[in-house]
Amino acid sequence: MKIHDLKPPAGSNRRRKRVGRGIGGKGGKTAGRGTKGQRARNTVRVGFEGGQLPMQQRVPKLRGFNNPFRIDYQAVNLDTIEASGLDDVTPESLLNAGLVSKGALVKVLGRGELTRAVTVSAHAFSASAEAAITGAGGTVVKVDLPFQGRPPAQGNALTNR
C-alpha cells in the first residue's frame, strides 16, 4: 500500500448540505431558517438577546476580595522535626533540609511527639506544639515577622466627629 492508495472509508466524508438553492435542491425556500423574524432575515451575533441586557453583562464580574493583611504560614509538625534529627530548628535550617520553601513564614503545629530536647525558632507556634516542646525539655523562640502586622485602624465614624 502506498500513500496515493489511501482514502477515507466509504460514507465517512459527506458533502455539505447546500441550502437556499431553490426548491429543487432540498433546503430551498426558507433554507432551514424557519419563517419570518430577525433570524430568518439576517444573522444575529452570538449572545445577542434582542436588546435585553445580555447574560454576559448581567452576571457580576468580580466577586470577593483578597485580604491584603493575610499572613500565610508554612506548617511544620512536631513529627517532622523529630524525623529531621535537627537539635537547633530555625527557619534557615528547615529551608536547608528542604522542609519549607524560600522566604516562607514557619508555624510549628502539634501533630506528633518529641522525645528529645530541641530548640525551635519559628514565626508562630500552636498552643499544643509549644506545650509539647517545653514538655520535652526544649525551648521555644518566637522569631519576629519580617514586616509590620495589620496597621492600626484609622478610627471609626463615631469617634471622628
Foldseek 3Di string as FASTA:
>chain_A
DDPVPDDDDPPPDDDDQDACPDPVRPNHDQNPQDDDDDSSPDPDDPQDDPPPDGPVVVDDDDDDDDDPQDADADEDEPVNVQVVPDQEAEPVVCVVVVNDDPPHFYEYEYPDAHQAAHEHEGQYYDPNNCCRNVVNVYHYHHDHDPDDGDDDDPDDPVVVD
